[in-house]
């Protein structure tokens, strides 16, 4: 049933501003990325197909983990799929408080995106930065396996604490 949602409602979908541009930049550079979601495989792959997004190479979905977010296992699995070590820097883009907590517990830096929850809810989960959407994020470089991002209009969580 979930796989039918993207087919039936793709015309009603609203992309997060900046998401497609950022993803296009990352995939054009052949930089590593993964989707770690609480959604199911049929739902996620259906949306990617319906919205004509790049093929998913590294995906962690609800049915891959025993415990959902805020358990960090999903992000640890994502890091492993990218063949990264625990010491490697990973940036998680996350819009839910449970996901922010999962990313932090997995040892990642987290950029909280205010798209599905309020600023207060996102802030309470303690991401490293907060942005309204992904229009504030752009890739400015990729070298030696590291993506360089420019983040504008971000709230620095440490200054708000």
N, C-alpha and C. Protein backbone atom coordinates (compact mmCIF):
# COMPACT_ATOMS: atom_id res chain seq x y z
N UNK A 1 0.81 -1.20 0.00
CA UNK A 1 0.00 0.00 0.00
C UNK A 1 0.86 1.27 0.00
N UNK A 2 1.94 1.26 0.82
CA UNK A 2 2.78 2.45 0.89
C UNK A 2 3.41 2.77 -0.45
N UNK A 3 3.73 1.75 -1.22
CA UNK A 3 4.34 1.96 -2.52
C UNK A 3 3.42 2.67 -3.50
N UNK A 4 2.11 2.63 -3.25
CA UNK A 4 1.15 3.30 -4.12
C UNK A 4 1.04 4.80 -3.84
N UNK A 5 1.40 5.21 -2.64
CA UNK A 5 1.29 6.64 -2.28
C UNK A 5 2.04 7.55 -3.25
N UNK A 6 3.32 7.27 -3.53
CA UNK A 6 4.05 8.15 -4.46
C UNK A 6 3.42 8.17 -5.85
N UNK A 7 2.94 7.01 -6.32
CA UNK A 7 2.32 6.96 -7.64
C UNK A 7 1.07 7.83 -7.70
N UNK A 8 0.27 7.76 -6.66
CA UNK A 8 -1.01 8.47 -6.65
C UNK A 8 -0.89 9.95 -6.30
N UNK A 9 0.13 10.31 -5.50
CA UNK A 9 0.19 11.67 -4.97
C UNK A 9 1.45 12.45 -5.31
N UNK A 10 2.21 11.99 -6.28
CA UNK A 10 3.46 12.68 -6.64
C UNK A 10 3.19 14.13 -7.06
N UNK A 11 2.06 14.38 -7.71
CA UNK A 11 1.75 15.75 -8.15
C UNK A 11 1.50 16.68 -6.97
N UNK A 12 1.14 16.13 -5.82
CA UNK A 12 0.87 16.94 -4.63
C UNK A 12 2.11 17.13 -3.75
N UNK A 13 3.18 16.42 -4.05
CA UNK A 13 4.39 16.47 -3.22
C UNK A 13 5.06 17.84 -3.33
N UNK A 14 5.54 18.32 -2.21
CA UNK A 14 6.30 19.57 -2.19
C UNK A 14 7.71 19.26 -1.74
N UNK A 15 8.67 19.56 -2.61
CA UNK A 15 10.06 19.32 -2.26
C UNK A 15 10.53 20.33 -1.23
N UNK A 16 11.44 19.89 -0.39
CA UNK A 16 12.07 20.80 0.56
C UNK A 16 12.95 21.74 -0.27
N UNK A 17 12.76 23.05 -0.15
CA UNK A 17 13.59 23.98 -0.93
C UNK A 17 15.08 23.70 -0.75
N UNK A 18 15.77 23.60 -1.87
CA UNK A 18 17.21 23.37 -1.86
C UNK A 18 17.62 21.91 -1.88
N UNK A 19 16.71 20.99 -1.60
CA UNK A 19 17.07 19.57 -1.49
C UNK A 19 17.55 19.01 -2.83
N UNK A 20 16.82 19.26 -3.89
CA UNK A 20 17.20 18.71 -5.19
C UNK A 20 18.54 19.29 -5.66
N UNK A 21 18.73 20.56 -5.49
CA UNK A 21 19.98 21.20 -5.90
C UNK A 21 21.17 20.62 -5.14
N UNK A 22 21.01 20.44 -3.83
CA UNK A 22 22.08 19.88 -3.01
C UNK A 22 22.37 18.45 -3.43
N UNK A 23 21.33 17.65 -3.61
CA UNK A 23 21.51 16.26 -4.02
C UNK A 23 22.15 16.17 -5.41
N UNK A 24 21.74 17.05 -6.32
CA UNK A 24 22.35 17.08 -7.66
C UNK A 24 23.85 17.38 -7.57
N UNK A 25 24.23 18.34 -6.73
CA UNK A 25 25.65 18.68 -6.56
C UNK A 25 26.45 17.51 -6.01
N UNK A 26 25.89 16.85 -5.03
CA UNK A 26 26.58 15.72 -4.40
C UNK A 26 26.74 14.57 -5.38
N UNK A 27 25.66 14.24 -6.09
CA UNK A 27 25.74 13.11 -7.03
C UNK A 27 26.62 13.45 -8.23
N UNK A 28 26.61 14.69 -8.69
CA UNK A 28 27.47 15.09 -9.81
C UNK A 28 28.94 14.95 -9.47
N UNK A 29 29.28 15.16 -8.21
CA UNK A 29 30.67 15.05 -7.76
C UNK A 29 31.05 13.60 -7.42
N UNK A 30 30.09 12.69 -7.55
CA UNK A 30 30.30 11.30 -7.15
C UNK A 30 30.71 11.19 -5.68
N UNK A 31 30.19 12.09 -4.87
CA UNK A 31 30.46 12.07 -3.43
C UNK A 31 29.53 11.06 -2.75
N UNK A 32 29.97 10.46 -1.68
CA UNK A 32 29.14 9.46 -1.00
C UNK A 32 27.98 10.09 -0.23
N UNK A 33 26.83 9.43 -0.29
CA UNK A 33 25.67 9.86 0.48
C UNK A 33 24.76 8.67 0.71
N UNK A 34 23.94 8.78 1.72
CA UNK A 34 23.01 7.70 2.05
C UNK A 34 21.70 8.31 2.53
N UNK A 35 20.65 7.55 2.38
CA UNK A 35 19.35 7.91 2.96
C UNK A 35 19.14 6.98 4.14
N UNK A 36 18.87 7.57 5.30
CA UNK A 36 18.55 6.83 6.51
C UNK A 36 17.19 7.34 6.95
N UNK A 37 16.17 6.49 6.84
CA UNK A 37 14.81 6.97 7.04
C UNK A 37 13.98 5.99 7.86
N UNK A 38 12.94 6.52 8.47
CA UNK A 38 11.98 5.69 9.18
C UNK A 38 10.92 5.16 8.22
N UNK A 39 11.01 5.56 6.95
CA UNK A 39 10.09 5.07 5.93
C UNK A 39 10.45 3.65 5.51
N UNK A 40 9.56 3.03 4.76
CA UNK A 40 9.79 1.68 4.26
C UNK A 40 10.39 1.72 2.86
N UNK A 41 10.94 0.60 2.43
CA UNK A 41 11.54 0.52 1.10
C UNK A 41 10.55 0.89 0.00
N UNK A 42 9.32 0.33 -0.03
CA UNK A 42 8.40 0.71 -1.11
C UNK A 42 8.07 2.21 -1.11
N UNK A 43 7.95 2.79 0.06
CA UNK A 43 7.62 4.21 0.14
C UNK A 43 8.78 5.07 -0.38
N UNK A 44 9.98 4.80 0.11
CA UNK A 44 11.14 5.62 -0.26
C UNK A 44 11.50 5.45 -1.73
N UNK A 45 11.59 4.22 -2.19
CA UNK A 45 11.94 4.00 -3.60
C UNK A 45 10.85 4.54 -4.51
N UNK A 46 9.61 4.44 -4.07
CA UNK A 46 8.50 5.00 -4.85
C UNK A 46 8.60 6.51 -5.00
N UNK A 47 8.92 7.21 -3.91
CA UNK A 47 9.07 8.66 -3.97
C UNK A 47 10.25 9.06 -4.84
N UNK A 48 11.36 8.33 -4.72
CA UNK A 48 12.52 8.65 -5.55
C UNK A 48 12.20 8.47 -7.03
N UNK A 49 11.48 7.41 -7.35
CA UNK A 49 11.06 7.19 -8.74
C UNK A 49 10.09 8.28 -9.22
N UNK A 50 9.06 8.54 -8.43
CA UNK A 50 8.02 9.50 -8.81
C UNK A 50 8.58 10.91 -8.97
N UNK A 51 9.55 11.28 -8.14
CA UNK A 51 10.13 12.63 -8.19
C UNK A 51 11.37 12.71 -9.07
N UNK A 52 11.70 11.59 -9.72
CA UNK A 52 12.84 11.53 -10.64
C UNK A 52 14.15 11.98 -9.96
N UNK A 53 14.38 11.41 -8.79
CA UNK A 53 15.61 11.67 -8.04
C UNK A 53 16.66 10.62 -8.41
N UNK A 54 17.93 10.88 -8.11
CA UNK A 54 18.99 9.93 -8.47
C UNK A 54 18.75 8.56 -7.84
N UNK A 55 19.26 7.52 -8.48
CA UNK A 55 19.10 6.17 -7.91
C UNK A 55 19.69 6.08 -6.50
N UNK A 56 19.04 5.29 -5.68
CA UNK A 56 19.49 5.09 -4.30
C UNK A 56 20.52 3.98 -4.27
N UNK A 57 21.72 4.32 -3.85
CA UNK A 57 22.77 3.31 -3.74
C UNK A 57 22.91 2.82 -2.31
N UNK A 58 22.77 3.73 -1.34
CA UNK A 58 22.93 3.39 0.07
C UNK A 58 21.67 3.81 0.81
N UNK A 59 20.93 2.83 1.28
CA UNK A 59 19.63 3.09 1.89
C UNK A 59 19.47 2.26 3.15
N UNK A 60 19.03 2.92 4.23
CA UNK A 60 18.65 2.24 5.46
C UNK A 60 17.21 2.65 5.73
N UNK A 61 16.34 1.65 5.85
CA UNK A 61 14.91 1.90 6.03
C UNK A 61 14.39 1.24 7.30
N UNK A 62 13.13 1.48 7.60
CA UNK A 62 12.51 0.98 8.83
C UNK A 62 12.69 -0.52 9.01
N UNK A 63 12.52 -1.27 7.92
CA UNK A 63 12.59 -2.73 8.07
C UNK A 63 14.01 -3.26 8.26
N UNK A 64 15.01 -2.38 8.16
CA UNK A 64 16.41 -2.79 8.37
C UNK A 64 16.82 -2.80 9.84
N UNK A 65 16.06 -2.13 10.70
CA UNK A 65 16.47 -1.99 12.10
C UNK A 65 15.41 -2.55 13.04
N UNK A 66 15.89 -3.04 14.16
CA UNK A 66 14.96 -3.58 15.17
C UNK A 66 14.28 -2.45 15.94
N UNK A 67 15.06 -1.40 16.24
CA UNK A 67 14.54 -0.26 16.99
C UNK A 67 14.69 0.99 16.14
N UNK A 68 13.63 1.77 16.05
CA UNK A 68 13.67 3.00 15.26
C UNK A 68 14.35 4.13 16.00
N UNK A 69 14.42 5.26 15.33
CA UNK A 69 14.99 6.46 15.92
C UNK A 69 14.20 6.79 17.18
N UNK A 70 14.82 7.19 18.25
CA UNK A 70 16.14 7.78 18.43
C UNK A 70 17.28 6.78 18.62
N UNK A 71 17.03 5.48 18.45
CA UNK A 71 18.12 4.51 18.52
C UNK A 71 19.13 4.84 17.41
N UNK A 72 20.42 4.88 17.71
CA UNK A 72 21.42 5.30 16.72
C UNK A 72 21.80 4.24 15.69
N UNK A 73 21.29 3.03 15.83
CA UNK A 73 21.69 1.93 14.95
C UNK A 73 21.52 2.27 13.47
N UNK A 74 20.45 2.95 13.12
CA UNK A 74 20.20 3.27 11.71
C UNK A 74 21.33 4.12 11.12
N UNK A 75 21.82 5.09 11.88
CA UNK A 75 22.89 5.95 11.37
C UNK A 75 24.25 5.23 11.38
N UNK A 76 24.42 4.32 12.31
CA UNK A 76 25.64 3.50 12.30
C UNK A 76 25.63 2.61 11.06
N UNK A 77 24.47 2.05 10.73
CA UNK A 77 24.34 1.24 9.51
C UNK A 77 24.60 2.08 8.26
N UNK A 78 24.10 3.31 8.25
CA UNK A 78 24.34 4.20 7.12
C UNK A 78 25.82 4.49 6.94
N UNK A 79 26.50 4.77 8.04
CA UNK A 79 27.94 5.02 8.00
C UNK A 79 28.67 3.78 7.47
N UNK A 80 28.25 2.60 7.91
CA UNK A 80 28.87 1.36 7.45
C UNK A 80 28.63 1.13 5.95
N UNK A 81 27.44 1.45 5.48
CA UNK A 81 27.15 1.30 4.04
C UNK A 81 28.05 2.20 3.20
N UNK A 82 28.44 3.34 3.75
CA UNK A 82 29.34 4.26 3.05
C UNK A 82 30.81 3.88 3.26
N UNK A 83 31.04 2.78 4.00
CA UNK A 83 32.40 2.29 4.29
C UNK A 83 33.22 3.33 5.06
N UNK A 84 32.54 4.04 5.97
CA UNK A 84 33.21 5.02 6.80
C UNK A 84 33.49 4.42 8.17
N UNK A 85 34.53 4.92 8.80
CA UNK A 85 34.90 4.48 10.13
C UNK A 85 34.23 5.39 11.16
N UNK A 86 34.21 4.95 12.39
CA UNK A 86 33.61 5.73 13.48
C UNK A 86 34.29 7.09 13.62
N UNK A 87 35.59 7.16 13.33
CA UNK A 87 36.34 8.41 13.46
C UNK A 87 36.05 9.39 12.32
N UNK A 88 35.50 8.91 11.21
CA UNK A 88 35.21 9.77 10.06
C UNK A 88 34.06 10.72 10.38
N UNK A 89 34.18 11.95 9.89
CA UNK A 89 33.13 12.93 10.11
C UNK A 89 31.93 12.63 9.21
N UNK A 90 30.76 12.65 9.80
CA UNK A 90 29.51 12.43 9.07
C UNK A 90 28.55 13.54 9.46
N UNK A 91 27.91 14.13 8.46
CA UNK A 91 26.88 15.14 8.72
C UNK A 91 25.52 14.56 8.36
N UNK A 92 24.62 14.59 9.31
CA UNK A 92 23.26 14.11 9.14
C UNK A 92 22.35 15.32 8.94
N UNK A 93 21.48 15.25 7.95
CA UNK A 93 20.43 16.24 7.74
C UNK A 93 19.17 15.59 8.30
N UNK A 94 18.54 16.23 9.29
CA UNK A 94 17.44 15.57 9.97
C UNK A 94 16.37 16.58 10.34
N UNK A 95 15.10 16.19 10.13
CA UNK A 95 14.00 17.11 10.44
C UNK A 95 13.19 16.68 11.66
N UNK A 96 13.46 15.52 12.22
CA UNK A 96 12.68 15.09 13.38
C UNK A 96 13.54 15.07 14.64
N UNK A 97 12.95 15.41 15.77
CA UNK A 97 13.70 15.34 17.03
C UNK A 97 14.28 13.95 17.29
N UNK A 98 13.51 12.90 17.04
CA UNK A 98 14.02 11.54 17.26
C UNK A 98 15.21 11.26 16.35
N UNK A 99 15.16 11.72 15.11
CA UNK A 99 16.26 11.52 14.18
C UNK A 99 17.49 12.32 14.56
N UNK A 100 17.28 13.52 15.06
CA UNK A 100 18.41 14.35 15.53
C UNK A 100 19.11 13.63 16.67
N UNK A 101 18.33 13.12 17.61
CA UNK A 101 18.92 12.40 18.74
C UNK A 101 19.66 11.15 18.27
N UNK A 102 19.11 10.45 17.29
CA UNK A 102 19.76 9.25 16.75
C UNK A 102 21.09 9.60 16.10
N UNK A 103 21.11 10.66 15.31
CA UNK A 103 22.36 11.08 14.66
C UNK A 103 23.43 11.46 15.67
N UNK A 104 23.04 12.23 16.67
CA UNK A 104 24.00 12.64 17.71
C UNK A 104 24.52 11.41 18.47
N UNK A 105 23.62 10.48 18.81
CA UNK A 105 24.02 9.28 19.55
C UNK A 105 24.95 8.39 18.72
N UNK A 106 24.87 8.49 17.39
CA UNK A 106 25.74 7.72 16.51
C UNK A 106 27.09 8.40 16.31
N UNK A 107 27.28 9.57 16.93
CA UNK A 107 28.56 10.28 16.84
C UNK A 107 28.67 11.19 15.64
N UNK A 108 27.55 11.54 15.04
CA UNK A 108 27.55 12.41 13.85
C UNK A 108 27.28 13.85 14.24
N UNK A 109 27.67 14.77 13.37
CA UNK A 109 27.22 16.15 13.47
C UNK A 109 25.83 16.16 12.84
N UNK A 110 24.94 17.01 13.34
CA UNK A 110 23.57 17.01 12.84
C UNK A 110 23.14 18.43 12.49
N UNK A 111 22.61 18.57 11.29
CA UNK A 111 21.99 19.81 10.83
C UNK A 111 20.49 19.60 10.92
N UNK A 112 19.86 20.29 11.86
CA UNK A 112 18.42 20.20 12.02
C UNK A 112 17.73 21.06 10.98
N UNK A 113 16.75 20.48 10.30
CA UNK A 113 16.02 21.18 9.25
C UNK A 113 14.57 21.35 9.72
N UNK A 114 14.10 22.59 9.75
CA UNK A 114 12.77 22.89 10.28
C UNK A 114 11.73 22.78 9.16
N UNK A 115 11.33 21.53 8.89
CA UNK A 115 10.32 21.31 7.85
C UNK A 115 9.10 20.56 8.37
N UNK A 116 9.29 19.69 9.35
CA UNK A 116 8.16 18.90 9.85
C UNK A 116 7.85 19.13 11.32
N UNK A 117 8.73 19.86 11.99
CA UNK A 117 8.55 20.17 13.41
C UNK A 117 8.87 21.65 13.62
N UNK A 118 8.50 22.16 14.78
CA UNK A 118 8.76 23.57 15.07
C UNK A 118 10.24 23.78 15.39
N UNK A 119 10.68 25.03 15.32
CA UNK A 119 12.05 25.37 15.69
C UNK A 119 12.32 24.93 17.12
N UNK A 120 11.36 25.15 18.01
CA UNK A 120 11.53 24.79 19.41
C UNK A 120 11.73 23.28 19.58
N UNK A 121 10.96 22.47 18.84
CA UNK A 121 11.11 21.02 18.93
C UNK A 121 12.46 20.57 18.39
N UNK A 122 12.88 21.17 17.28
CA UNK A 122 14.18 20.83 16.70
C UNK A 122 15.30 21.25 17.65
N UNK A 123 15.21 22.46 18.19
CA UNK A 123 16.21 22.97 19.12
C UNK A 123 16.33 22.10 20.36
N UNK A 124 15.21 21.64 20.87
CA UNK A 124 15.21 20.81 22.07
C UNK A 124 15.98 19.50 21.86
N UNK A 125 16.06 19.01 20.63
CA UNK A 125 16.77 17.78 20.33
C UNK A 125 18.28 17.98 20.24
N UNK A 126 18.72 19.23 20.24
CA UNK A 126 20.15 19.60 20.30
C UNK A 126 20.98 19.23 19.06
N UNK A 127 20.53 19.65 17.87
CA UNK A 127 21.41 19.48 16.71
C UNK A 127 22.57 20.47 16.82
N UNK A 128 23.54 20.36 15.93
CA UNK A 128 24.67 21.29 15.95
C UNK A 128 24.30 22.63 15.33
N UNK A 129 23.46 22.59 14.30
CA UNK A 129 22.97 23.79 13.63
C UNK A 129 21.52 23.56 13.25
N UNK A 130 20.82 24.65 12.98
CA UNK A 130 19.43 24.57 12.52
C UNK A 130 19.27 25.49 11.32
N UNK A 131 18.60 24.98 10.28
CA UNK A 131 18.24 25.80 9.13
C UNK A 131 16.76 25.61 8.84
N UNK A 132 16.19 26.61 8.18
CA UNK A 132 14.77 26.56 7.82
C UNK A 132 14.53 25.45 6.80
N UNK A 133 15.40 25.37 5.80
CA UNK A 133 15.29 24.36 4.76
C UNK A 133 16.67 24.20 4.12
N UNK A 134 16.76 23.44 3.05
CA UNK A 134 18.07 23.18 2.47
C UNK A 134 18.50 24.21 1.43
N UNK A 135 17.71 25.25 1.25
CA UNK A 135 18.14 26.35 0.39
C UNK A 135 19.34 27.07 1.01
N UNK A 136 19.53 26.88 2.30
CA UNK A 136 20.64 27.50 3.02
C UNK A 136 21.93 26.68 2.95
N UNK A 137 21.89 25.54 2.25
CA UNK A 137 23.04 24.64 2.21
C UNK A 137 23.45 24.41 0.76
N UNK A 138 24.75 24.59 0.50
CA UNK A 138 25.23 24.26 -0.85
C UNK A 138 26.61 23.64 -0.76
N UNK A 139 26.85 22.73 -1.68
CA UNK A 139 28.15 22.08 -1.74
C UNK A 139 29.10 23.00 -2.48
N UNK A 140 30.26 23.28 -1.88
CA UNK A 140 31.25 24.16 -2.52
C UNK A 140 32.51 23.41 -2.92
N UNK A 141 32.61 22.14 -2.51
CA UNK A 141 33.79 21.38 -2.90
C UNK A 141 33.69 19.93 -2.47
N UNK A 142 34.48 19.11 -3.17
CA UNK A 142 34.61 17.70 -2.81
C UNK A 142 36.01 17.26 -3.18
N UNK A 143 36.79 16.90 -2.15
CA UNK A 143 38.18 16.52 -2.37
C UNK A 143 38.61 15.54 -1.30
N UNK A 144 39.38 14.55 -1.68
CA UNK A 144 39.91 13.55 -0.75
C UNK A 144 38.80 12.89 0.08
N UNK A 145 37.67 12.62 -0.56
CA UNK A 145 36.57 11.95 0.13
C UNK A 145 35.78 12.82 1.09
N UNK A 146 36.03 14.12 1.08
CA UNK A 146 35.31 15.02 1.99
C UNK A 146 34.51 16.06 1.20
N UNK A 147 33.28 16.21 1.59
CA UNK A 147 32.41 17.22 1.00
C UNK A 147 32.55 18.50 1.81
N UNK A 148 32.70 19.61 1.11
CA UNK A 148 32.72 20.90 1.79
C UNK A 148 31.39 21.60 1.51
N UNK A 149 30.71 21.97 2.58
CA UNK A 149 29.42 22.64 2.46
C UNK A 149 29.51 24.06 2.98
N UNK A 150 28.69 24.90 2.40
CA UNK A 150 28.52 26.26 2.90
C UNK A 150 27.09 26.33 3.44
N UNK A 151 26.98 26.71 4.71
CA UNK A 151 25.67 26.81 5.35
C UNK A 151 25.44 28.26 5.72
N UNK A 152 24.41 28.84 5.15
CA UNK A 152 24.09 30.23 5.46
C UNK A 152 22.77 30.28 6.23
N UNK A 153 22.56 31.35 6.92
CA UNK A 153 21.32 31.54 7.67
C UNK A 153 21.05 30.43 8.68
N UNK A 154 22.09 29.88 9.27
CA UNK A 154 21.92 28.82 10.27
C UNK A 154 21.88 29.41 11.66
N UNK A 155 21.12 28.78 12.50
CA UNK A 155 21.13 29.12 13.92
C UNK A 155 22.18 28.24 14.58
N UNK A 156 23.12 28.82 15.28
CA UNK A 156 24.12 28.06 16.01
C UNK A 156 23.50 27.68 17.35
N UNK A 157 23.26 26.41 17.52
CA UNK A 157 22.57 25.92 18.71
C UNK A 157 23.31 26.27 19.99
N UNK A 158 24.64 26.26 19.94
CA UNK A 158 25.43 26.56 21.16
C UNK A 158 25.16 27.97 21.65
N UNK A 159 24.95 28.90 20.74
CA UNK A 159 24.70 30.29 21.15
C UNK A 159 23.29 30.46 21.72
N UNK A 160 22.40 29.52 21.41
CA UNK A 160 21.03 29.61 21.91
C UNK A 160 20.85 28.90 23.23
N UNK A 161 21.82 28.07 23.60
CA UNK A 161 21.69 27.25 24.82
C UNK A 161 21.86 28.09 26.07
